[in-house]
PDB file of N, CA and C in Angstrom:
ATOM      1  N   MET A   1      90.156  11.573  26.788  1.00  0.00           N
ATOM      2  CA  MET A   1      90.340  12.906  27.319  1.00  0.00           C
ATOM      3  C   MET A   1      89.404  13.085  28.512  1.00  0.00           C
ATOM      4  N   ILE A   2      89.925  13.503  29.607  1.00  0.00           N
ATOM      5  CA  ILE A   2      89.148  13.712  30.825  1.00  0.00           C
ATOM      6  C   ILE A   2      88.917  15.207  31.000  1.00  0.00           C
ATOM      7  N   ILE A   3      87.661  15.545  31.217  1.00  0.00           N
ATOM      8  CA  ILE A   3      87.308  16.949  31.429  1.00  0.00           C
ATOM      9  C   ILE A   3      87.051  17.151  32.908  1.00  0.00           C
ATOM     10  N   CYS A   4      87.742  18.071  33.487  1.00  0.00           N
ATOM     11  CA  CYS A   4      87.548  18.379  34.906  1.00  0.00           C
ATOM     12  C   CYS A   4      86.804  19.699  35.030  1.00  0.00           C
ATOM     13  N   TYR A   5      85.842  19.718  35.912  1.00  0.00           N
ATOM     14  CA  TYR A   5      85.091  20.936  36.166  1.00  0.00           C
ATOM     15  C   TYR A   5      85.522  21.499  37.500  1.00  0.00           C
ATOM     16  N   LYS A   6      85.736  22.795  37.525  1.00  0.00           N
ATOM     17  CA  LYS A   6      86.104  23.461  38.760  1.00  0.00           C
ATOM     18  C   LYS A   6      84.838  23.647  39.593  1.00  0.00           C
ATOM     19  N   LEU A   7      84.810  23.092  40.780  1.00  0.00           N
ATOM     20  CA  LEU A   7      83.656  23.187  41.659  1.00  0.00           C
ATOM     21  C   LEU A   7      83.780  24.411  42.547  1.00  0.00           C
ATOM     22  N   ASN A   8      82.669  25.068  42.770  1.00  0.00           N
ATOM     23  CA  ASN A   8      82.666  26.210  43.670  1.00  0.00           C
ATOM     24  C   ASN A   8      82.809  25.723  45.099  1.00  0.00           C
ATOM     25  N   ARG A   9      83.534  26.457  45.874  1.00  0.00           N
ATOM     26  CA  ARG A   9      83.758  26.072  47.260  1.00  0.00           C
ATOM     27  C   ARG A   9      82.579  26.454  48.138  1.00  0.00           C
ATOM     28  N   TYR A  10      81.894  27.516  47.778  1.00  0.00           N
ATOM     29  CA  TYR A  10      80.788  28.009  48.593  1.00  0.00           C
ATOM     30  C   TYR A  10      79.498  27.994  47.784  1.00  0.00           C
ATOM     31  N   TRP A  11      78.412  27.802  48.501  1.00  0.00           N
ATOM     32  CA  TRP A  11      77.096  27.872  47.874  1.00  0.00           C
ATOM     33  C   TRP A  11      76.731  29.335  47.696  1.00  0.00           C
ATOM     34  N   SER A  12      76.150  29.653  46.566  1.00  0.00           N
ATOM     35  CA  SER A  12      75.735  31.016  46.312  1.00  0.00           C
ATOM     36  C   SER A  12      74.309  31.000  45.769  1.00  0.00           C
ATOM     37  N   ARG A  13      73.477  31.825  46.347  1.00  0.00           N
ATOM     38  CA  ARG A  13      72.086  31.886  45.905  1.00  0.00           C
ATOM     39  C   ARG A  13      71.992  32.376  44.458  1.00  0.00           C
ATOM     40  N   SER A  14      72.943  33.140  44.014  1.00  0.00           N
ATOM     41  CA  SER A  14      72.912  33.672  42.654  1.00  0.00           C
ATOM     42  C   SER A  14      73.108  32.583  41.600  1.00  0.00           C
ATOM     43  N   ARG A  15      73.626  31.425  41.993  1.00  0.00           N
ATOM     44  CA  ARG A  15      73.879  30.335  41.044  1.00  0.00           C
ATOM     45  C   ARG A  15      72.674  29.423  40.842  1.00  0.00           C
ATOM     46  N   PHE A  16      71.619  29.618  41.611  1.00  0.00           N
ATOM     47  CA  PHE A  16      70.430  28.784  41.498  1.00  0.00           C
ATOM     48  C   PHE A  16      69.391  29.482  40.641  1.00  0.00           C
ATOM     49  N   ILE A  17      68.707  28.694  39.825  1.00  0.00           N
ATOM     50  CA  ILE A  17      67.630  29.265  39.031  1.00  0.00           C
ATOM     51  C   ILE A  17      66.331  29.155  39.821  1.00  0.00           C
ATOM     52  N   SER A  18      65.417  30.073  39.573  1.00  0.00           N
ATOM     53  CA  SER A  18      64.168  30.082  40.324  1.00  0.00           C
ATOM     54  C   SER A  18      63.066  29.301  39.621  1.00  0.00           C
ATOM     55  N   ASN A  19      63.338  28.771  38.434  1.00  0.00           N
ATOM     56  CA  ASN A  19      62.331  27.997  37.713  1.00  0.00           C
ATOM     57  C   ASN A  19      62.084  26.664  38.410  1.00  0.00           C
ATOM     58  N   VAL A  20      60.861  26.195  38.313  1.00  0.00           N
ATOM     59  CA  VAL A  20      60.499  24.921  38.925  1.00  0.00           C
ATOM     60  C   VAL A  20      61.014  23.785  38.054  1.00  0.00           C
ATOM     61  N   LYS A  21      61.616  22.790  38.675  1.00  0.00           N
ATOM     62  CA  LYS A  21      62.154  21.660  37.942  1.00  0.00           C
ATOM     63  C   LYS A  21      61.129  20.553  37.727  1.00  0.00           C
ATOM     64  N   CYS A  22      60.038  20.618  38.460  1.00  0.00           N
ATOM     65  CA  CYS A  22      59.042  19.558  38.424  1.00  0.00           C
ATOM     66  C   CYS A  22      57.797  20.055  37.708  1.00  0.00           C
ATOM     67  N   ASP A  23      57.314  19.287  36.755  1.00  0.00           N
ATOM     68  CA  ASP A  23      56.139  19.678  35.997  1.00  0.00           C
ATOM     69  C   ASP A  23      54.884  19.304  36.773  1.00  0.00           C
ATOM     70  N   THR A  24      54.095  20.282  37.159  1.00  0.00           N
ATOM     71  CA  THR A  24      52.915  20.017  37.979  1.00  0.00           C
ATOM     72  C   THR A  24      51.843  19.267  37.205  1.00  0.00           C
ATOM     73  N   LEU A  25      51.798  19.464  35.902  1.00  0.00           N
ATOM     74  CA  LEU A  25      50.819  18.742  35.108  1.00  0.00           C
ATOM     75  C   LEU A  25      51.044  17.241  35.209  1.00  0.00           C
ATOM     76  N   VAL A  26      52.287  16.825  35.092  1.00  0.00           N
ATOM     77  CA  VAL A  26      52.604  15.404  35.192  1.00  0.00           C
ATOM     78  C   VAL A  26      52.296  14.904  36.596  1.00  0.00           C
ATOM     79  N   ASN A  27      52.625  15.680  37.618  1.00  0.00           N
ATOM     80  CA  ASN A  27      52.335  15.272  38.981  1.00  0.00           C
ATOM     81  C   ASN A  27      50.840  15.142  39.218  1.00  0.00           C
ATOM     82  N   ASN A  28      50.060  16.071  38.694  1.00  0.00           N
ATOM     83  CA  ASN A  28      48.612  15.991  38.859  1.00  0.00           C
ATOM     84  C   ASN A  28      48.038  14.778  38.143  1.00  0.00           C
ATOM     85  N   MET A  29      48.577  14.461  36.981  1.00  0.00           N
ATOM     86  CA  MET A  29      48.114  13.278  36.262  1.00  0.00           C
ATOM     87  C   MET A  29      48.436  12.016  37.049  1.00  0.00           C
ATOM     88  N   LEU A  30      49.626  11.959  37.627  1.00  0.00           N
ATOM     89  CA  LEU A  30      50.006  10.790  38.409  1.00  0.00           C
ATOM     90  C   LEU A  30      49.164  10.668  39.667  1.00  0.00           C
ATOM     91  N   GLU A  31      48.879  11.781  40.307  1.00  0.00           N
ATOM     92  CA  GLU A  31      48.036  11.748  41.501  1.00  0.00           C
ATOM     93  C   GLU A  31      46.633  11.257  41.162  1.00  0.00           C
ATOM     94  N   ALA A  32      46.091  11.702  40.048  1.00  0.00           N
ATOM     95  CA  ALA A  32      44.761  11.257  39.628  1.00  0.00           C
ATOM     96  C   ALA A  32      44.767   9.765  39.311  1.00  0.00           C
ATOM     97  N   PHE A  33      45.828   9.301  38.644  1.00  0.00           N
ATOM     98  CA  PHE A  33      45.930   7.878  38.315  1.00  0.00           C
ATOM     99  C   PHE A  33      46.091   7.041  39.584  1.00  0.00           C
ATOM    100  N   ASN A  34      46.912   7.509  40.516  1.00  0.00           N
ATOM    101  CA  ASN A  34      47.090   6.789  41.779  1.00  0.00           C
ATOM    102  C   ASN A  34      45.789   6.727  42.565  1.00  0.00           C
ATOM    103  N   ASN A  35      44.977   7.763  42.478  1.00  0.00           N
ATOM    104  CA  ASN A  35      43.695   7.779  43.161  1.00  0.00           C
ATOM    105  C   ASN A  35      42.772   6.686  42.616  1.00  0.00           C
ATOM    106  N   LEU A  36      42.884   6.389  41.331  1.00  0.00           N
ATOM    107  CA  LEU A  36      42.073   5.332  40.741  1.00  0.00           C
ATOM    108  C   LEU A  36      42.504   3.943  41.218  1.00  0.00           C
ATOM    109  N   LEU A  37      43.749   3.817  41.644  1.00  0.00           N
ATOM    110  CA  LEU A  37      44.277   2.512  42.031  1.00  0.00           C
ATOM    111  C   LEU A  37      44.103   2.195  43.507  1.00  0.00           C
ATOM    112  N   VAL A  38      43.414   3.035  44.254  1.00  0.00           N
ATOM    113  CA  VAL A  38      43.292   2.835  45.698  1.00  0.00           C
ATOM    114  C   VAL A  38      42.670   1.483  46.005  1.00  0.00           C
ATOM    115  N   ASP A  39      41.576   1.147  45.331  1.00  0.00           N
ATOM    116  CA  ASP A  39      40.914  -0.130  45.587  1.00  0.00           C
ATOM    117  C   ASP A  39      41.728  -1.309  45.058  1.00  0.00           C
ATOM    118  N   ALA A  40      42.406  -1.111  43.950  1.00  0.00           N
ATOM    119  CA  ALA A  40      43.132  -2.205  43.312  1.00  0.00           C
ATOM    120  C   ALA A  40      44.450  -2.529  44.021  1.00  0.00           C
ATOM    121  N   ARG A  41      44.961  -1.636  44.833  1.00  0.00           N
ATOM    122  CA  ARG A  41      46.263  -1.872  45.477  1.00  0.00           C
ATOM    123  C   ARG A  41      46.259  -3.049  46.430  1.00  0.00           C
ATOM    124  N   SER A  42      45.117  -3.359  47.008  1.00  0.00           N
ATOM    125  CA  SER A  42      45.058  -4.462  47.961  1.00  0.00           C
ATOM    126  C   SER A  42      44.920  -5.819  47.268  1.00  0.00           C
ATOM    127  N   LYS A  43      44.807  -5.831  45.953  1.00  0.00           N
ATOM    128  CA  LYS A  43      44.645  -7.073  45.194  1.00  0.00           C
ATOM    129  C   LYS A  43      46.000  -7.659  44.817  1.00  0.00           C
ATOM    130  N   PRO A  44      46.031  -8.935  44.450  1.00  0.00           N
ATOM    131  CA  PRO A  44      47.278  -9.532  43.943  1.00  0.00           C
ATOM    132  C   PRO A  44      47.730  -8.828  42.662  1.00  0.00           C
ATOM    133  N   ILE A  45      48.983  -8.987  42.323  1.00  0.00           N
ATOM    134  CA  ILE A  45      49.590  -8.229  41.232  1.00  0.00           C
ATOM    135  C   ILE A  45      48.904  -8.484  39.896  1.00  0.00           C
ATOM    136  N   ILE A  46      48.538  -9.718  39.605  1.00  0.00           N
ATOM    137  CA  ILE A  46      47.891 -10.019  38.322  1.00  0.00           C
ATOM    138  C   ILE A  46      46.530  -9.331  38.244  1.00  0.00           C
ATOM    139  N   THR A  47      45.771  -9.373  39.316  1.00  0.00           N
ATOM    140  CA  THR A  47      44.470  -8.715  39.347  1.00  0.00           C
ATOM    141  C   THR A  47      44.629  -7.200  39.275  1.00  0.00           C
ATOM    142  N   LEU A  48      45.651  -6.666  39.932  1.00  0.00           N
ATOM    143  CA  LEU A  48      45.943  -5.228  39.871  1.00  0.00           C
ATOM    144  C   LEU A  48      46.227  -4.807  38.435  1.00  0.00           C
ATOM    145  N   LEU A  49      47.073  -5.562  37.758  1.00  0.00           N
ATOM    146  CA  LEU A  49      47.400  -5.245  36.366  1.00  0.00           C
ATOM    147  C   LEU A  49      46.182  -5.389  35.458  1.00  0.00           C
ATOM    148  N   GLU A  50      45.335  -6.374  35.744  1.00  0.00           N
ATOM    149  CA  GLU A  50      44.116  -6.541  34.954  1.00  0.00           C
ATOM    150  C   GLU A  50      43.175  -5.358  35.156  1.00  0.00           C
ATOM    151  N   ASP A  51      43.061  -4.870  36.384  1.00  0.00           N
ATOM    152  CA  ASP A  51      42.228  -3.685  36.647  1.00  0.00           C
ATOM    153  C   ASP A  51      42.754  -2.465  35.909  1.00  0.00           C
ATOM    154  N   ILE A  52      44.070  -2.295  35.903  1.00  0.00           N
ATOM    155  CA  ILE A  52      44.679  -1.172  35.180  1.00  0.00           C
ATOM    156  C   ILE A  52      44.410  -1.310  33.683  1.00  0.00           C
ATOM    157  N   ARG A  53      44.557  -2.523  33.157  1.00  0.00           N
ATOM    158  CA  ARG A  53      44.318  -2.768  31.739  1.00  0.00           C
ATOM    159  C   ARG A  53      42.870  -2.442  31.370  1.00  0.00           C
ATOM    160  N   LEU A  54      41.926  -2.908  32.178  1.00  0.00           N
ATOM    161  CA  LEU A  54      40.512  -2.646  31.900  1.00  0.00           C
ATOM    162  C   LEU A  54      40.198  -1.154  31.963  1.00  0.00           C
ATOM    163  N   TYR A  55      40.771  -0.463  32.936  1.00  0.00           N
ATOM    164  CA  TYR A  55      40.562   0.985  33.039  1.00  0.00           C
ATOM    165  C   TYR A  55      41.077   1.696  31.791  1.00  0.00           C
ATOM    166  N   MET A  56      42.291   1.342  31.374  1.00  0.00           N
ATOM    167  CA  MET A  56      42.887   2.002  30.213  1.00  0.00           C
ATOM    168  C   MET A  56      42.104   1.684  28.934  1.00  0.00           C
ATOM    169  N   MET A  57      41.667   0.444  28.774  1.00  0.00           N
ATOM    170  CA  MET A  57      40.904   0.083  27.576  1.00  0.00           C
ATOM    171  C   MET A  57      39.576   0.842  27.531  1.00  0.00           C
ATOM    172  N   ASN A  58      38.887   0.952  28.672  1.00  0.00           N
ATOM    173  CA  ASN A  58      37.634   1.706  28.715  1.00  0.00           C
ATOM    174  C   ASN A  58      37.857   3.185  28.435  1.00  0.00           C
ATOM    175  N   ARG A  59      38.928   3.711  28.966  1.00  0.00           N
ATOM    176  CA  ARG A  59      39.228   5.133  28.744  1.00  0.00           C
ATOM    177  C   ARG A  59      39.533   5.408  27.280  1.00  0.00           C
ATOM    178  N   TRP A  60      40.351   4.540  26.666  1.00  0.00           N
ATOM    179  CA  TRP A  60      40.675   4.713  25.253  1.00  0.00           C
ATOM    180  C   TRP A  60      39.435   4.576  24.381  1.00  0.00           C
ATOM    181  N   ALA A  61      38.563   3.620  24.729  1.00  0.00           N
ATOM    182  CA  ALA A  61      37.345   3.432  23.933  1.00  0.00           C
ATOM    183  C   ALA A  61      36.436   4.651  24.033  1.00  0.00           C
ATOM    184  N   SER A  62      36.289   5.205  25.237  1.00  0.00           N
ATOM    185  CA  SER A  62      35.433   6.392  25.376  1.00  0.00           C
ATOM    186  C   SER A  62      36.038   7.592  24.657  1.00  0.00           C
ATOM    187  N   ASN A  63      37.356   7.748  24.717  1.00  0.00           N
ATOM    188  CA  ASN A  63      38.010   8.846  23.996  1.00  0.00           C
ATOM    189  C   ASN A  63      37.878   8.662  22.485  1.00  0.00           C
ATOM    190  N   ARG A  64      37.958   7.402  22.023  1.00  0.00           N
ATOM    191  CA  ARG A  64      37.818   7.132  20.601  1.00  0.00           C
ATOM    192  C   ARG A  64      36.416   7.524  20.119  1.00  0.00           C
ATOM    193  N   LEU A  65      35.403   7.245  20.942  1.00  0.00           N
ATOM    194  CA  LEU A  65      34.035   7.631  20.579  1.00  0.00           C
ATOM    195  C   LEU A  65      33.879   9.151  20.530  1.00  0.00           C
ATOM    196  N   LYS A  66      34.474   9.829  21.486  1.00  0.00           N
ATOM    197  CA  LYS A  66      34.398  11.294  21.494  1.00  0.00           C
ATOM    198  C   LYS A  66      35.051  11.887  20.253  1.00  0.00           C
ATOM    199  N   VAL A  67      36.207  11.356  19.887  1.00  0.00           N
ATOM    200  CA  VAL A  67      36.949  11.890  18.743  1.00  0.00           C
ATOM    201  C   VAL A  67      36.239  11.561  17.441  1.00  0.00           C
ATOM    202  N   SER A  68      35.642  10.381  17.352  1.00  0.00           N
ATOM    203  CA  SER A  68      34.973  10.008  16.107  1.00  0.00           C
ATOM    204  C   SER A  68      33.752  10.886  15.825  1.00  0.00           C
ATOM    205  N   SER A  69      33.127  11.402  16.874  1.00  0.00           N
ATOM    206  CA  SER A  69      31.968  12.276  16.663  1.00  0.00           C
ATOM    207  C   SER A  69      32.363  13.739  16.498  1.00  0.00           C
ATOM    208  N   PHE A  70      33.637  14.059  16.631  1.00  0.00           N
ATOM    209  CA  PHE A  70      34.109  15.434  16.528  1.00  0.00           C
ATOM    210  C   PHE A  70      34.174  15.869  15.072  1.00  0.00           C
ATOM    211  N   GLU A  71      33.678  17.046  14.815  1.00  0.00           N
ATOM    212  CA  GLU A  71      33.774  17.608  13.473  1.00  0.00           C
ATOM    213  C   GLU A  71      34.413  18.978  13.563  1.00  0.00           C
ATOM    214  N   GLY A  72      35.412  19.197  12.787  1.00  0.00           N
ATOM    215  CA  GLY A  72      36.112  20.471  12.782  1.00  0.00           C
ATOM    216  C   GLY A  72      37.609  20.241  12.762  1.00  0.00           C
ATOM    217  N   SER A  73      38.343  21.314  12.631  1.00  0.00           N
ATOM    218  CA  SER A  73      39.795  21.194  12.565  1.00  0.00           C
ATOM    219  C   SER A  73      40.469  21.580  13.872  1.00  0.00           C
ATOM    220  N   ILE A  74      39.739  22.254  14.763  1.00  0.00           N
ATOM    221  CA  ILE A  74      40.302  22.678  16.049  1.00  0.00           C
ATOM    222  C   ILE A  74      39.382  22.185  17.156  1.00  0.00           C
ATOM    223  N   CYS A  75      39.963  21.609  18.198  1.00  0.00           N
ATOM    224  CA  CYS A  75      39.182  21.124  19.336  1.00  0.00           C
ATOM    225  C   CYS A  75      38.457  22.292  20.011  1.00  0.00           C
ATOM    226  N   SER A  76      37.355  21.976  20.679  1.00  0.00           N
ATOM    227  CA  SER A  76      36.500  23.029  21.229  1.00  0.00           C
ATOM    228  C   SER A  76      37.196  23.856  22.307  1.00  0.00           C
ATOM    229  N   ARG A  77      37.936  23.213  23.195  1.00  0.00           N
ATOM    230  CA  ARG A  77      38.620  23.981  24.247  1.00  0.00           C
ATOM    231  C   ARG A  77      39.681  24.898  23.669  1.00  0.00           C
ATOM    232  N   ILE A  78      40.404  24.395  22.707  1.00  0.00           N
ATOM    233  CA  ILE A  78      41.446  25.211  22.072  1.00  0.00           C
ATOM    234  C   ILE A  78      40.793  26.356  21.296  1.00  0.00           C
ATOM    235  N   ARG A  79      39.686  26.073  20.607  1.00  0.00           N
ATOM    236  CA  ARG A  79      38.972  27.119  19.870  1.00  0.00           C
ATOM    237  C   ARG A  79      38.459  28.201  20.816  1.00  0.00           C
ATOM    238  N   ASP A  80      37.898  27.792  21.971  1.00  0.00           N
ATOM    239  CA  ASP A  80      37.418  28.776  22.949  1.00  0.00           C
ATOM    240  C   ASP A  80      38.560  29.636  23.473  1.00  0.00           C
ATOM    241  N   ARG A  81      39.692  29.016  23.733  1.00  0.00           N
ATOM    242  CA  ARG A  81      40.857  29.765  24.216  1.00  0.00           C
ATOM    243  C   ARG A  81      41.357  30.737  23.154  1.00  0.00           C
ATOM    244  N   LEU A  82      41.351  30.278  21.905  1.00  0.00           N
ATOM    245  CA  LEU A  82      41.781  31.129  20.797  1.00  0.00           C
ATOM    246  C   LEU A  82      40.866  32.341  20.650  1.00  0.00           C
ATOM    247  N   VAL A  83      39.562  32.127  20.761  1.00  0.00           N
ATOM    248  CA  VAL A  83      38.605  33.240  20.665  1.00  0.00           C
ATOM    249  C   VAL A  83      38.836  34.225  21.807  1.00  0.00           C
ATOM    250  N   LYS A  84      39.074  33.695  23.006  1.00  0.00           N
ATOM    251  CA  LYS A  84      39.334  34.562  24.160  1.00  0.00           C
ATOM    252  C   LYS A  84      40.597  35.397  23.939  1.00  0.00           C
ATOM    253  N   GLU A  85      41.656  34.776  23.458  1.00  0.00           N
ATOM    254  CA  GLU A  85      42.900  35.497  23.197  1.00  0.00           C
ATOM    255  C   GLU A  85      42.724  36.518  22.082  1.00  0.00           C
ATOM    256  N   LEU A  86      41.943  36.177  21.069  1.00  0.00           N
ATOM    257  CA  LEU A  86      41.687  37.143  19.991  1.00  0.00           C
ATOM    258  C   LEU A  86      40.926  38.358  20.502  1.00  0.00           C
ATOM    259  N   GLN A  87      39.995  38.135  21.419  1.00  0.00           N
ATOM    260  CA  GLN A  87      39.258  39.260  22.013  1.00  0.00           C
ATOM    261  C   GLN A  87      40.186  40.147  22.825  1.00  0.00           C
ATOM    262  N   LEU A  88      41.143  39.570  23.517  1.00  0.00           N
ATOM    263  CA  LEU A  88      42.061  40.351  24.342  1.00  0.00           C
ATOM    264  C   LEU A  88      43.052  41.156  23.488  1.00  0.00           C
ATOM    265  N   THR A  89      43.373  40.662  22.282  1.00  0.00           N
ATOM    266  CA  THR A  89      44.371  41.350  21.458  1.00  0.00           C
ATOM    267  C   THR A  89      43.823  42.622  20.803  1.00  0.00           C
ATOM    268  N   LYS A  90      42.521  42.778  20.753  1.00  0.00           N
ATOM    269  CA  LYS A  90      41.997  43.991  20.129  1.00  0.00           C
ATOM    270  C   LYS A  90      42.210  45.234  20.981  1.00  0.00           C
ATOM    271  N   TYR A  91      42.579  45.049  22.232  1.00  0.00           N
ATOM    272  CA  TYR A  91      42.842  46.192  23.091  1.00  0.00           C
ATOM    273  C   TYR A  91      44.302  46.571  23.007  1.00  0.00           C
TER     274      TYR A  91
END
């Protein structure tokens, strides 16, 4: 069964949504990661991949140490945000 869609002949501004299609958080993360690769880009591919691997392993190890020393059920940033929101709701 073939489904045919009727296409509009004219462009209409009312048919476009104003929401952003691109997630800025992901773009910012990619920009930060690309910034780390500036020095490694001039290296051969195997060395470039090794630099990326070493960076990721060091990052994971440091995050693992941070998490292992954490005590509590809610992370500190989330807890601070929750307290701030609770203060705002009393008004």
